[in-house]
Amino acid sequence: MASVVLENVKASELPAAWRKRAKVKGDELLTVTIAKRQRQADTKPPNASFGMWADRTDLDPAAYVRTLRQPRTARR
């Protein structure tokens, strides 16, 4: 994961929303790290193996793929 680190940034130079979130005021020097948020542990990751079928409601992608993966003799 790529991230950007900015050192010795004056708090007054940051956007107001960032200052409020960091609870800083004035010319306090900060180190700012910008990175993607990590997924929360309690949320389910997306099912990447069925990405193109993720929004389909007319079939169950997992069941469909299971039938494709069965040996041909078991499908008959």
N, C-alpha and C. Protein backbone atom coordinates (compact mmCIF):
# COMPACT_ATOMS: atom_id res chain seq x y z
N MET A 1 0.85 -1.16 0.00
CA MET A 1 0.00 0.00 0.00
C MET A 1 0.90 1.23 0.00
N ALA A 2 0.67 2.14 -0.90
CA ALA A 2 1.44 3.37 -0.98
C ALA A 2 0.86 4.42 -0.04
N SER A 3 1.75 5.20 0.55
CA SER A 3 1.30 6.29 1.40
C SER A 3 2.25 7.47 1.22
N VAL A 4 1.77 8.64 1.61
CA VAL A 4 2.55 9.87 1.52
C VAL A 4 2.72 10.40 2.93
N VAL A 5 3.95 10.77 3.29
CA VAL A 5 4.23 11.32 4.61
C VAL A 5 4.78 12.72 4.44
N LEU A 6 4.14 13.68 5.09
CA LEU A 6 4.58 15.08 5.06
C LEU A 6 5.00 15.45 6.48
N GLU A 7 6.26 15.85 6.65
CA GLU A 7 6.75 16.18 7.98
C GLU A 7 6.85 17.69 8.15
N ASN A 8 6.73 18.14 9.39
CA ASN A 8 6.85 19.54 9.78
C ASN A 8 5.88 20.45 9.03
N VAL A 9 4.63 20.04 8.99
CA VAL A 9 3.58 20.83 8.37
C VAL A 9 2.91 21.66 9.46
N LYS A 10 2.77 22.95 9.23
CA LYS A 10 2.08 23.80 10.21
C LYS A 10 0.59 23.46 10.18
N ALA A 11 0.02 23.35 11.34
CA ALA A 11 -1.40 23.03 11.45
C ALA A 11 -2.25 24.07 10.73
N SER A 12 -1.80 25.32 10.75
CA SER A 12 -2.57 26.38 10.10
C SER A 12 -2.61 26.23 8.58
N GLU A 13 -1.72 25.41 8.00
CA GLU A 13 -1.69 25.21 6.56
C GLU A 13 -2.58 24.05 6.11
N LEU A 14 -3.12 23.33 7.04
CA LEU A 14 -3.99 22.20 6.71
C LEU A 14 -5.42 22.68 6.48
N PRO A 15 -6.21 21.91 5.73
CA PRO A 15 -7.63 22.24 5.58
C PRO A 15 -8.33 22.24 6.95
N ALA A 16 -9.34 23.05 7.08
CA ALA A 16 -10.05 23.19 8.36
C ALA A 16 -10.57 21.86 8.88
N ALA A 17 -11.09 21.02 7.99
CA ALA A 17 -11.63 19.72 8.41
C ALA A 17 -10.53 18.84 9.01
N TRP A 18 -9.33 18.91 8.45
CA TRP A 18 -8.21 18.13 8.98
C TRP A 18 -7.79 18.65 10.35
N ARG A 19 -7.74 19.99 10.50
CA ARG A 19 -7.37 20.57 11.79
C ARG A 19 -8.37 20.16 12.86
N LYS A 20 -9.65 20.19 12.49
CA LYS A 20 -10.69 19.82 13.46
C LYS A 20 -10.56 18.35 13.85
N ARG A 21 -10.31 17.50 12.88
CA ARG A 21 -10.19 16.07 13.17
C ARG A 21 -8.97 15.77 14.04
N ALA A 22 -7.87 16.48 13.78
CA ALA A 22 -6.64 16.28 14.55
C ALA A 22 -6.66 17.04 15.87
N LYS A 23 -7.65 17.92 16.05
CA LYS A 23 -7.81 18.71 17.28
C LYS A 23 -6.56 19.52 17.58
N VAL A 24 -6.08 20.25 16.56
CA VAL A 24 -4.91 21.12 16.74
C VAL A 24 -5.27 22.54 16.36
N LYS A 25 -4.50 23.47 16.87
CA LYS A 25 -4.74 24.88 16.57
C LYS A 25 -3.39 25.56 16.35
N GLY A 26 -3.42 26.70 15.71
CA GLY A 26 -2.24 27.52 15.57
C GLY A 26 -1.19 26.96 14.64
N ASP A 27 0.07 27.21 15.00
CA ASP A 27 1.18 26.81 14.16
C ASP A 27 1.91 25.59 14.68
N GLU A 28 1.21 24.70 15.33
CA GLU A 28 1.80 23.46 15.81
C GLU A 28 2.34 22.67 14.62
N LEU A 29 3.54 22.10 14.74
CA LEU A 29 4.12 21.31 13.65
C LEU A 29 3.63 19.87 13.74
N LEU A 30 3.23 19.36 12.60
CA LEU A 30 2.66 18.01 12.53
C LEU A 30 3.36 17.16 11.49
N THR A 31 3.21 15.86 11.62
CA THR A 31 3.57 14.92 10.57
C THR A 31 2.26 14.36 10.05
N VAL A 32 2.01 14.52 8.76
CA VAL A 32 0.76 14.10 8.14
C VAL A 32 1.03 12.88 7.28
N THR A 33 0.29 11.81 7.50
CA THR A 33 0.39 10.61 6.68
C THR A 33 -0.91 10.44 5.92
N ILE A 34 -0.81 10.29 4.60
CA ILE A 34 -1.99 10.10 3.77
C ILE A 34 -1.90 8.69 3.18
N ALA A 35 -2.88 7.86 3.52
CA ALA A 35 -2.89 6.47 3.06
C ALA A 35 -4.33 5.99 2.95
N LYS A 36 -4.53 4.90 2.24
CA LYS A 36 -5.86 4.31 2.16
C LYS A 36 -6.23 3.73 3.52
N ARG A 37 -7.50 3.81 3.85
CA ARG A 37 -7.96 3.23 5.10
C ARG A 37 -7.97 1.72 4.99
N GLN A 38 -7.68 1.08 6.12
CA GLN A 38 -7.73 -0.37 6.17
C GLN A 38 -9.17 -0.80 6.41
N ARG A 39 -9.55 -1.92 5.84
CA ARG A 39 -10.90 -2.45 6.01
C ARG A 39 -11.10 -2.84 7.48
N GLN A 40 -12.27 -2.52 8.01
CA GLN A 40 -12.59 -2.90 9.38
C GLN A 40 -12.73 -4.41 9.46
N ALA A 41 -12.31 -4.98 10.56
CA ALA A 41 -12.29 -6.43 10.72
C ALA A 41 -13.69 -7.05 10.69
N ASP A 42 -14.71 -6.30 11.11
CA ASP A 42 -16.05 -6.87 11.19
C ASP A 42 -16.81 -6.83 9.87
N THR A 43 -16.25 -6.21 8.82
CA THR A 43 -16.93 -6.17 7.54
C THR A 43 -16.42 -7.30 6.66
N LYS A 44 -17.29 -7.84 5.85
CA LYS A 44 -16.91 -8.94 4.97
C LYS A 44 -16.22 -8.38 3.74
N PRO A 45 -15.11 -8.98 3.32
CA PRO A 45 -14.45 -8.51 2.10
C PRO A 45 -15.31 -8.85 0.88
N PRO A 46 -15.18 -8.09 -0.19
CA PRO A 46 -15.95 -8.42 -1.38
C PRO A 46 -15.51 -9.76 -1.95
N ASN A 47 -16.42 -10.46 -2.58
CA ASN A 47 -16.11 -11.76 -3.17
C ASN A 47 -15.46 -11.53 -4.52
N ALA A 48 -14.14 -11.42 -4.53
CA ALA A 48 -13.40 -11.05 -5.73
C ALA A 48 -13.51 -12.09 -6.84
N SER A 49 -13.69 -13.35 -6.48
CA SER A 49 -13.73 -14.37 -7.53
C SER A 49 -15.00 -14.28 -8.37
N PHE A 50 -16.02 -13.58 -7.90
CA PHE A 50 -17.25 -13.45 -8.66
C PHE A 50 -17.55 -11.98 -8.94
N GLY A 51 -16.51 -11.17 -9.13
CA GLY A 51 -16.65 -9.74 -9.28
C GLY A 51 -17.62 -9.32 -10.37
N MET A 52 -17.54 -9.96 -11.54
CA MET A 52 -18.41 -9.52 -12.64
C MET A 52 -19.86 -9.95 -12.41
N TRP A 53 -20.09 -10.88 -11.48
CA TRP A 53 -21.45 -11.33 -11.20
C TRP A 53 -21.95 -10.80 -9.86
N ALA A 54 -21.22 -9.92 -9.23
CA ALA A 54 -21.54 -9.49 -7.87
C ALA A 54 -22.94 -8.88 -7.75
N ASP A 55 -23.41 -8.17 -8.76
CA ASP A 55 -24.70 -7.49 -8.68
C ASP A 55 -25.86 -8.29 -9.27
N ARG A 56 -25.60 -9.50 -9.72
CA ARG A 56 -26.67 -10.29 -10.32
C ARG A 56 -27.57 -10.86 -9.24
N THR A 57 -28.87 -10.69 -9.42
CA THR A 57 -29.83 -11.23 -8.46
C THR A 57 -30.54 -12.46 -9.01
N ASP A 58 -30.36 -12.75 -10.30
CA ASP A 58 -31.08 -13.86 -10.91
C ASP A 58 -30.36 -15.20 -10.76
N LEU A 59 -29.16 -15.21 -10.18
CA LEU A 59 -28.49 -16.48 -9.96
C LEU A 59 -27.57 -16.38 -8.76
N ASP A 60 -27.19 -17.55 -8.25
CA ASP A 60 -26.24 -17.63 -7.14
C ASP A 60 -24.89 -17.97 -7.74
N PRO A 61 -23.97 -17.00 -7.86
CA PRO A 61 -22.70 -17.24 -8.53
C PRO A 61 -21.90 -18.39 -7.93
N ALA A 62 -21.89 -18.53 -6.61
CA ALA A 62 -21.12 -19.60 -5.98
C ALA A 62 -21.66 -20.97 -6.39
N ALA A 63 -22.98 -21.13 -6.38
CA ALA A 63 -23.58 -22.40 -6.77
C ALA A 63 -23.33 -22.70 -8.25
N TYR A 64 -23.42 -21.68 -9.09
CA TYR A 64 -23.19 -21.86 -10.52
C TYR A 64 -21.77 -22.33 -10.79
N VAL A 65 -20.81 -21.71 -10.14
CA VAL A 65 -19.41 -22.09 -10.35
C VAL A 65 -19.15 -23.49 -9.79
N ARG A 66 -19.79 -23.82 -8.66
CA ARG A 66 -19.62 -25.18 -8.13
C ARG A 66 -20.06 -26.23 -9.14
N THR A 67 -21.19 -25.98 -9.84
CA THR A 67 -21.64 -26.95 -10.84
C THR A 67 -20.69 -27.02 -12.02
N LEU A 68 -20.09 -25.90 -12.39
CA LEU A 68 -19.10 -25.92 -13.48
C LEU A 68 -17.86 -26.71 -13.10
N ARG A 69 -17.49 -26.66 -11.84
CA ARG A 69 -16.27 -27.32 -11.39
C ARG A 69 -16.45 -28.81 -11.10
N GLN A 70 -17.69 -29.29 -11.06
CA GLN A 70 -17.93 -30.71 -10.82
C GLN A 70 -17.42 -31.50 -12.01
N PRO A 71 -16.98 -32.73 -11.77
CA PRO A 71 -16.62 -33.59 -12.90
C PRO A 71 -17.82 -33.80 -13.81
N ARG A 72 -17.59 -33.99 -15.10
CA ARG A 72 -18.70 -34.14 -16.05
C ARG A 72 -19.59 -35.32 -15.71
N THR A 73 -19.04 -36.37 -15.16
CA THR A 73 -19.87 -37.54 -14.84
C THR A 73 -20.85 -37.24 -13.70
N ALA A 74 -20.48 -36.35 -12.79
CA ALA A 74 -21.35 -36.02 -11.66
C ALA A 74 -22.49 -35.09 -12.10
N ARG A 75 -22.33 -34.34 -13.20
CA ARG A 75 -23.35 -33.39 -13.64
C ARG A 75 -24.51 -34.10 -14.33
N ARG A 76 -24.30 -35.26 -14.84
CA ARG A 76 -25.37 -35.93 -15.60
C ARG A 76 -26.34 -36.64 -14.75
